[in-house]
């Protein structure tokens, strides 16, 4: 199953970033998934949950954002949504598409880290509902594509 290998790669990258950054847990992972990437979001969510078991990501939420496939015509510079299956002939001039602009993405765009303080508060029974989780800017390992 292709989605399982994608989920395992995401978990591996986020777990490495979490450990090197000192995070004790992960609350959520946000992925950008291009409609032409060949990934089924529901299957990926199922595989992600399995891949997280026993890791620092256990219990983390997977949030996916679909990125539509778009192309740009080399002849007239028109940009259009290509759809699935992709329509690669320019609707404006009839020329062949010169460049796929988007739709093949498979990238970690954000990770919401759980902090040690929040875990300590949870263990002590303190109310943490109004304490937001820390959001750190993505680091290099999180920003590169996880699979294509």
C-alpha atoms as a PDB file:
ATOM      1  CA  UNK A   1       0.000   0.000   0.000  1.00  0.00           C
ATOM      2  CA  UNK A   2       1.582   3.270  -1.186  1.00  0.00           C
ATOM      3  CA  UNK A   3      -0.048   5.324   1.589  1.00  0.00           C
ATOM      4  CA  UNK A   4       1.650   3.234   4.286  1.00  0.00           C
ATOM      5  CA  UNK A   5       5.109   4.045   2.908  1.00  0.00           C
ATOM      6  CA  UNK A   6       4.146   7.749   2.782  1.00  0.00           C
ATOM      7  CA  UNK A   7       2.840   7.620   6.367  1.00  0.00           C
ATOM      8  CA  UNK A   8       5.999   5.884   7.588  1.00  0.00           C
ATOM      9  CA  UNK A   9       8.183   8.498   5.872  1.00  0.00           C
ATOM     10  CA  UNK A  10       6.195  11.354   7.448  1.00  0.00           C
ATOM     11  CA  UNK A  11       6.390   9.771  10.900  1.00  0.00           C
ATOM     12  CA  UNK A  12      10.132   9.168  10.533  1.00  0.00           C
ATOM     13  CA  UNK A  13      10.825  12.775   9.498  1.00  0.00           C
ATOM     14  CA  UNK A  14       8.639  14.323  12.196  1.00  0.00           C
ATOM     15  CA  UNK A  15       9.965  11.992  14.885  1.00  0.00           C
ATOM     16  CA  UNK A  16      13.553  12.899  13.946  1.00  0.00           C
ATOM     17  CA  UNK A  17      12.702  16.624  14.039  1.00  0.00           C
ATOM     18  CA  UNK A  18      10.882  16.234  17.365  1.00  0.00           C
ATOM     19  CA  UNK A  19      13.790  14.452  19.005  1.00  0.00           C
ATOM     20  CA  UNK A  20      16.434  16.821  17.646  1.00  0.00           C
ATOM     21  CA  UNK A  21      14.291  19.803  18.684  1.00  0.00           C
ATOM     22  CA  UNK A  22      13.601  18.484  22.178  1.00  0.00           C
ATOM     23  CA  UNK A  23       9.842  18.036  21.744  1.00  0.00           C
ATOM     24  CA  UNK A  24       8.241  15.375  23.911  1.00  0.00           C
ATOM     25  CA  UNK A  25       5.235  14.792  21.686  1.00  0.00           C
ATOM     26  CA  UNK A  26       3.377  15.832  18.605  1.00  0.00           C
ATOM     27  CA  UNK A  27      -0.211  17.065  18.648  1.00  0.00           C
ATOM     28  CA  UNK A  28      -0.771  17.390  14.906  1.00  0.00           C
ATOM     29  CA  UNK A  29       0.892  17.168  11.526  1.00  0.00           C
ATOM     30  CA  UNK A  30      -0.385  19.203   8.579  1.00  0.00           C
ATOM     31  CA  UNK A  31       0.318  17.860   5.084  1.00  0.00           C
ATOM     32  CA  UNK A  32      -0.186  19.418   1.681  1.00  0.00           C
ATOM     33  CA  UNK A  33      -1.275  16.668  -0.710  1.00  0.00           C
ATOM     34  CA  UNK A  34      -1.480  17.425  -4.411  1.00  0.00           C
ATOM     35  CA  UNK A  35      -4.427  15.937  -6.265  1.00  0.00           C
ATOM     36  CA  UNK A  36      -1.955  14.455  -8.784  1.00  0.00           C
ATOM     37  CA  UNK A  37       0.290  12.902  -6.104  1.00  0.00           C
ATOM     38  CA  UNK A  38      -1.530   9.568  -6.237  1.00  0.00           C
ATOM     39  CA  UNK A  39      -2.383   9.560  -2.518  1.00  0.00           C
ATOM     40  CA  UNK A  40      -5.832   8.688  -1.152  1.00  0.00           C
ATOM     41  CA  UNK A  41      -6.341  10.949   1.914  1.00  0.00           C
ATOM     42  CA  UNK A  42      -8.569   8.495   3.851  1.00  0.00           C
ATOM     43  CA  UNK A  43      -6.104   5.653   3.318  1.00  0.00           C
ATOM     44  CA  UNK A  44      -3.239   7.930   4.359  1.00  0.00           C
ATOM     45  CA  UNK A  45      -5.072   8.924   7.563  1.00  0.00           C
ATOM     46  CA  UNK A  46      -5.622   5.245   8.427  1.00  0.00           C
ATOM     47  CA  UNK A  47      -1.981   4.376   7.741  1.00  0.00           C
ATOM     48  CA  UNK A  48      -0.745   7.445   9.640  1.00  0.00           C
ATOM     49  CA  UNK A  49      -2.543   6.315  12.791  1.00  0.00           C
ATOM     50  CA  UNK A  50      -0.938   2.874  12.525  1.00  0.00           C
ATOM     51  CA  UNK A  51       2.512   4.307  11.767  1.00  0.00           C
ATOM     52  CA  UNK A  52       2.359   6.617  14.813  1.00  0.00           C
ATOM     53  CA  UNK A  53       1.804   3.769  17.294  1.00  0.00           C
ATOM     54  CA  UNK A  54       4.679   3.527  19.756  1.00  0.00           C
ATOM     55  CA  UNK A  55       6.353   6.732  18.550  1.00  0.00           C
ATOM     56  CA  UNK A  56       6.492  10.311  19.817  1.00  0.00           C
ATOM     57  CA  UNK A  57       3.632  10.955  17.354  1.00  0.00           C
ATOM     58  CA  UNK A  58       1.235   8.500  18.972  1.00  0.00           C
ATOM     59  CA  UNK A  59      -2.194  10.141  19.142  1.00  0.00           C
ATOM     60  CA  UNK A  60      -1.205  12.964  16.770  1.00  0.00           C
ATOM     61  CA  UNK A  61      -3.852  14.290  14.404  1.00  0.00           C
ATOM     62  CA  UNK A  62      -3.171  14.257  10.667  1.00  0.00           C
ATOM     63  CA  UNK A  63      -4.574  17.286   8.844  1.00  0.00           C
ATOM     64  CA  UNK A  64      -4.406  17.209   5.061  1.00  0.00           C
ATOM     65  CA  UNK A  65      -4.925  20.072   2.645  1.00  0.00           C
ATOM     66  CA  UNK A  66      -5.624  19.182  -0.961  1.00  0.00           C
ATOM     67  CA  UNK A  67      -3.642  21.153  -3.527  1.00  0.00           C
ATOM     68  CA  UNK A  68      -5.347  21.341  -6.921  1.00  0.00           C
ATOM     69  CA  UNK A  69      -3.371  20.461 -10.016  1.00  0.00           C
ATOM     70  CA  UNK A  70      -2.671  23.477 -12.214  1.00  0.00           C
ATOM     71  CA  UNK A  71      -0.752  23.896 -15.451  1.00  0.00           C
ATOM     72  CA  UNK A  72       0.707  26.849 -17.347  1.00  0.00           C
ATOM     73  CA  UNK A  73       0.730  27.053 -21.135  1.00  0.00           C
ATOM     74  CA  UNK A  74       4.096  27.821 -22.670  1.00  0.00           C
ATOM     75  CA  UNK A  75       2.546  29.502 -25.684  1.00  0.00           C
ATOM     76  CA  UNK A  76      -0.015  31.872 -24.131  1.00  0.00           C
ATOM     77  CA  UNK A  77       0.862  31.701 -20.374  1.00  0.00           C
ATOM     78  CA  UNK A  78      -2.720  30.752 -19.441  1.00  0.00           C
ATOM     79  CA  UNK A  79      -3.000  28.891 -16.107  1.00  0.00           C
ATOM     80  CA  UNK A  80      -5.810  26.380 -15.484  1.00  0.00           C
ATOM     81  CA  UNK A  81      -6.903  23.607 -13.118  1.00  0.00           C
ATOM     82  CA  UNK A  82      -6.072  20.341 -14.845  1.00  0.00           C
ATOM     83  CA  UNK A  83      -8.429  18.062 -12.879  1.00  0.00           C
ATOM     84  CA  UNK A  84      -8.203  14.280 -12.596  1.00  0.00           C
ATOM     85  CA  UNK A  85      -7.412  12.750 -14.985  1.00  0.00           C
ATOM     86  CA  UNK A  86      -5.332  15.783 -15.940  1.00  0.00           C
ATOM     87  CA  UNK A  87      -6.354  17.833 -18.964  1.00  0.00           C
ATOM     88  CA  UNK A  88      -2.997  19.038 -20.292  1.00  0.00           C
ATOM     89  CA  UNK A  89      -4.139  20.827 -23.445  1.00  0.00           C
ATOM     90  CA  UNK A  90      -4.466  24.587 -22.938  1.00  0.00           C
ATOM     91  CA  UNK A  91      -8.150  25.539 -22.913  1.00  0.00           C
ATOM     92  CA  UNK A  92      -7.281  29.045 -24.162  1.00  0.00           C
ATOM     93  CA  UNK A  93      -5.149  28.281 -27.224  1.00  0.00           C
ATOM     94  CA  UNK A  94      -5.131  24.480 -27.663  1.00  0.00           C
ATOM     95  CA  UNK A  95      -1.351  24.129 -27.220  1.00  0.00           C
ATOM     96  CA  UNK A  96       0.160  21.413 -25.009  1.00  0.00           C
ATOM     97  CA  UNK A  97       0.862  22.346 -21.396  1.00  0.00           C
ATOM     98  CA  UNK A  98       4.478  23.309 -20.886  1.00  0.00           C
ATOM     99  CA  UNK A  99       4.587  23.112 -17.104  1.00  0.00           C
ATOM    100  CA  UNK A 100       2.653  21.545 -14.237  1.00  0.00           C
ATOM    101  CA  UNK A 101       2.575  24.336 -11.664  1.00  0.00           C
ATOM    102  CA  UNK A 102       0.999  22.472  -8.754  1.00  0.00           C
ATOM    103  CA  UNK A 103      -0.713  19.240  -7.808  1.00  0.00           C
ATOM    104  CA  UNK A 104       2.214  16.897  -7.214  1.00  0.00           C
ATOM    105  CA  UNK A 105       2.970  18.198  -3.699  1.00  0.00           C
ATOM    106  CA  UNK A 106       3.390  15.880  -0.768  1.00  0.00           C
ATOM    107  CA  UNK A 107       4.903  18.054   1.912  1.00  0.00           C
ATOM    108  CA  UNK A 108       4.809  18.521   5.657  1.00  0.00           C
ATOM    109  CA  UNK A 109       3.703  22.125   6.091  1.00  0.00           C
ATOM    110  CA  UNK A 110       3.291  22.372   9.871  1.00  0.00           C
ATOM    111  CA  UNK A 111       3.850  20.371  13.026  1.00  0.00           C
ATOM    112  CA  UNK A 112       2.187  21.251  16.306  1.00  0.00           C
ATOM    113  CA  UNK A 113       4.496  20.127  19.105  1.00  0.00           C
ATOM    114  CA  UNK A 114       3.436  19.043  22.588  1.00  0.00           C
ATOM    115  CA  UNK A 115       5.659  20.629  25.221  1.00  0.00           C
ATOM    116  CA  UNK A 116       6.990  19.027  28.391  1.00  0.00           C
ATOM    117  CA  UNK A 117       5.183  21.663  30.489  1.00  0.00           C
ATOM    118  CA  UNK A 118       1.820  20.699  28.986  1.00  0.00           C
ATOM    119  CA  UNK A 119       2.522  17.018  29.627  1.00  0.00           C
ATOM    120  CA  UNK A 120       3.504  17.767  33.240  1.00  0.00           C
ATOM    121  CA  UNK A 121       0.291  19.775  33.712  1.00  0.00           C
ATOM    122  CA  UNK A 122      -1.739  16.917  32.236  1.00  0.00           C
ATOM    123  CA  UNK A 123      -0.024  14.419  34.556  1.00  0.00           C
ATOM    124  CA  UNK A 124      -0.719  16.626  37.577  1.00  0.00           C
ATOM    125  CA  UNK A 125      -4.375  17.096  36.601  1.00  0.00           C
ATOM    126  CA  UNK A 126      -4.002  20.826  35.877  1.00  0.00           C
ATOM    127  CA  UNK A 127      -6.465  22.397  33.466  1.00  0.00           C
ATOM    128  CA  UNK A 128      -4.718  22.903  30.114  1.00  0.00           C
ATOM    129  CA  UNK A 129      -7.746  23.693  27.925  1.00  0.00           C
ATOM    130  CA  UNK A 130      -6.853  27.394  27.605  1.00  0.00           C
ATOM    131  CA  UNK A 131      -3.132  26.744  27.108  1.00  0.00           C
ATOM    132  CA  UNK A 132      -2.386  26.619  23.381  1.00  0.00           C
ATOM    133  CA  UNK A 133       0.120  24.120  22.079  1.00  0.00           C
ATOM    134  CA  UNK A 134       3.403  25.496  20.862  1.00  0.00           C
ATOM    135  CA  UNK A 135       3.679  25.864  17.110  1.00  0.00           C
ATOM    136  CA  UNK A 136       7.242  25.976  15.916  1.00  0.00           C
ATOM    137  CA  UNK A 137       8.224  27.031  12.437  1.00  0.00           C
ATOM    138  CA  UNK A 138       8.965  24.016  10.230  1.00  0.00           C
ATOM    139  CA  UNK A 139      12.597  23.030  10.192  1.00  0.00           C
ATOM    140  CA  UNK A 140      14.495  21.707   7.212  1.00  0.00           C
ATOM    141  CA  UNK A 141      13.556  18.047   7.758  1.00  0.00           C
ATOM    142  CA  UNK A 142       9.868  18.947   7.965  1.00  0.00           C
ATOM    143  CA  UNK A 143       9.921  21.167   4.898  1.00  0.00           C
ATOM    144  CA  UNK A 144      11.301  18.836   2.292  1.00  0.00           C
ATOM    145  CA  UNK A 145       8.924  16.588   0.336  1.00  0.00           C
ATOM    146  CA  UNK A 146       8.445  13.268   2.093  1.00  0.00           C
ATOM    147  CA  UNK A 147       7.806  11.169  -1.021  1.00  0.00           C
ATOM    148  CA  UNK A 148       6.988  11.627  -4.655  1.00  0.00           C
END
